[in-house]
C-alpha atoms as a PDB file:
ATOM      1  CA  MET A   1     -23.708 -66.086 -44.329  1.00  0.00           C
ATOM      2  CA  ALA A   2     -20.560 -63.962 -44.101  1.00  0.00           C
ATOM      3  CA  LEU A   3     -18.167 -64.427 -47.006  1.00  0.00           C
ATOM      4  CA  SER A   4     -15.414 -65.359 -44.554  1.00  0.00           C
ATOM      5  CA  ASP A   5     -17.513 -68.399 -43.524  1.00  0.00           C
ATOM      6  CA  TYR A   6     -16.746 -70.003 -46.893  1.00  0.00           C
ATOM      7  CA  THR A   7     -13.007 -69.939 -46.177  1.00  0.00           C
ATOM      8  CA  GLY A   8     -11.568 -73.340 -45.345  1.00  0.00           C
ATOM      9  CA  ARG A   9     -14.369 -75.299 -46.978  1.00  0.00           C
ATOM     10  CA  SER A  10     -13.477 -78.067 -49.394  1.00  0.00           C
ATOM     11  CA  PRO A  11     -16.053 -78.226 -52.205  1.00  0.00           C
ATOM     12  CA  THR A  12     -15.227 -81.808 -53.203  1.00  0.00           C
ATOM     13  CA  GLY A  13     -14.017 -83.066 -49.834  1.00  0.00           C
ATOM     14  CA  GLY A  14     -10.615 -83.677 -51.413  1.00  0.00           C
ATOM     15  CA  ASP A  15      -7.438 -81.658 -51.519  1.00  0.00           C
ATOM     16  CA  ASP A  16      -9.093 -78.438 -52.651  1.00  0.00           C
ATOM     17  CA  THR A  17      -9.737 -75.643 -50.168  1.00  0.00           C
ATOM     18  CA  ILE A  18     -11.333 -72.231 -50.454  1.00  0.00           C
ATOM     19  CA  VAL A  19      -8.637 -69.806 -49.355  1.00  0.00           C
ATOM     20  CA  ARG A  20     -10.460 -66.528 -49.895  1.00  0.00           C
ATOM     21  CA  VAL A  21     -13.843 -65.111 -50.939  1.00  0.00           C
ATOM     22  CA  VAL A  22     -14.132 -61.379 -51.584  1.00  0.00           C
ATOM     23  CA  PRO A  23     -16.349 -58.923 -53.439  1.00  0.00           C
ATOM     24  CA  HIS A  24     -14.407 -57.984 -56.544  1.00  0.00           C
ATOM     25  CA  ARG A  25     -14.448 -55.495 -59.359  1.00  0.00           C
ATOM     26  CA  LEU A  26     -11.644 -55.304 -61.900  1.00  0.00           C
ATOM     27  CA  TRP A  27     -11.419 -51.886 -63.453  1.00  0.00           C
ATOM     28  CA  ARG A  28      -8.944 -51.221 -66.212  1.00  0.00           C
ATOM     29  CA  PRO A  29      -9.530 -48.336 -68.605  1.00  0.00           C
ATOM     30  CA  GLY A  30      -9.987 -49.630 -72.144  1.00  0.00           C
ATOM     31  CA  ASP A  31      -9.905 -53.283 -71.085  1.00  0.00           C
ATOM     32  CA  GLU A  32     -13.183 -55.170 -70.701  1.00  0.00           C
ATOM     33  CA  ARG A  33     -12.356 -58.630 -69.359  1.00  0.00           C
ATOM     34  CA  ILE A  34     -15.112 -61.244 -69.338  1.00  0.00           C
ATOM     35  CA  GLU A  35     -15.049 -64.558 -67.480  1.00  0.00           C
ATOM     36  CA  PRO A  36     -17.724 -67.251 -67.039  1.00  0.00           C
ATOM     37  CA  CYS A  37     -19.529 -67.680 -63.736  1.00  0.00           C
ATOM     38  CA  THR A  38     -18.147 -70.922 -62.291  1.00  0.00           C
ATOM     39  CA  TYR A  39     -21.649 -72.051 -61.312  1.00  0.00           C
ATOM     40  CA  SER A  40     -23.845 -71.040 -64.237  1.00  0.00           C
ATOM     41  CA  GLY A  41     -21.392 -70.394 -67.066  1.00  0.00           C
ATOM     42  CA  GLU A  42     -23.050 -67.000 -67.580  1.00  0.00           C
ATOM     43  CA  GLU A  43     -20.647 -64.304 -68.742  1.00  0.00           C
ATOM     44  CA  ILE A  44     -19.494 -61.854 -66.074  1.00  0.00           C
ATOM     45  CA  ARG A  45     -17.944 -58.531 -66.969  1.00  0.00           C
ATOM     46  CA  LEU A  46     -15.229 -58.248 -64.371  1.00  0.00           C
ATOM     47  CA  SER A  47     -15.699 -54.477 -64.316  1.00  0.00           C
ATOM     48  CA  GLU A  48     -19.074 -55.175 -62.659  1.00  0.00           C
ATOM     49  CA  LYS A  49     -19.381 -56.294 -59.033  1.00  0.00           C
ATOM     50  CA  HIS A  50     -18.994 -60.064 -58.547  1.00  0.00           C
ATOM     51  CA  LEU A  51     -17.341 -62.510 -56.154  1.00  0.00           C
ATOM     52  CA  LEU A  52     -13.779 -63.719 -56.497  1.00  0.00           C
ATOM     53  CA  VAL A  53     -13.014 -67.089 -54.927  1.00  0.00           C
ATOM     54  CA  VAL A  54      -9.449 -68.295 -54.561  1.00  0.00           C
ATOM     55  CA  LEU A  55      -9.364 -72.089 -54.507  1.00  0.00           C
ATOM     56  CA  GLU A  56      -6.191 -74.014 -53.717  1.00  0.00           C
ATOM     57  CA  ARG A  57      -5.683 -77.459 -55.272  1.00  0.00           C
ATOM     58  CA  ASP A  58      -2.488 -79.390 -54.697  1.00  0.00           C
ATOM     59  CA  GLY A  59      -0.633 -76.201 -53.747  1.00  0.00           C
ATOM     60  CA  VAL A  60      -1.814 -74.292 -56.836  1.00  0.00           C
ATOM     61  CA  ARG A  61      -4.204 -71.380 -56.433  1.00  0.00           C
ATOM     62  CA  GLU A  62      -6.985 -70.846 -58.949  1.00  0.00           C
ATOM     63  CA  ARG A  63      -9.300 -67.856 -59.317  1.00  0.00           C
ATOM     64  CA  LEU A  64     -12.998 -68.589 -59.712  1.00  0.00           C
ATOM     65  CA  TYR A  65     -15.647 -65.988 -60.457  1.00  0.00           C
ATOM     66  CA  PHE A  66     -19.278 -66.011 -59.316  1.00  0.00           C
ATOM     67  CA  ARG A  67     -22.140 -63.680 -60.201  1.00  0.00           C
ATOM     68  CA  ASN A  68     -23.171 -63.391 -56.539  1.00  0.00           C
ATOM     69  CA  GLU A  69     -23.295 -65.271 -53.244  1.00  0.00           C
ATOM     70  CA  ARG A  70     -26.337 -67.292 -54.338  1.00  0.00           C
ATOM     71  CA  SER A  71     -24.287 -68.715 -57.223  1.00  0.00           C
ATOM     72  CA  LEU A  72     -21.403 -69.569 -54.893  1.00  0.00           C
ATOM     73  CA  SER A  73     -23.709 -71.217 -52.371  1.00  0.00           C
ATOM     74  CA  ALA A  74     -25.502 -73.279 -55.059  1.00  0.00           C
ATOM     75  CA  TRP A  75     -22.146 -74.383 -56.535  1.00  0.00           C
ATOM     76  CA  LEU A  76     -20.938 -75.551 -53.128  1.00  0.00           C
ATOM     77  CA  GLU A  77     -24.183 -77.391 -52.389  1.00  0.00           C
ATOM     78  CA  GLU A  78     -23.941 -79.310 -55.679  1.00  0.00           C
ATOM     79  CA  LEU A  79     -20.296 -80.293 -55.120  1.00  0.00           C
ATOM     80  CA  GLU A  80     -20.705 -81.243 -51.458  1.00  0.00           C
ATOM     81  CA  ARG A  81     -23.480 -83.764 -52.185  1.00  0.00           C
END
């Protein structure tokens, strides 16, 4: 599935909407930022390739990080049930 196909989906069927999904890599010399994968909780070094998902809830945008597209797809499947 193309990453753009995730745009517009609502994981919970409520007021949250995926606004953007892009491959991401945050590179800052001397700064190693780590965030949890939204699906698995596994630590992701943002200097390594991962997916950035921008989710909008009630007019507020939130950044979510996923290890890869499989993690994003599994997360959506669980929430859409």
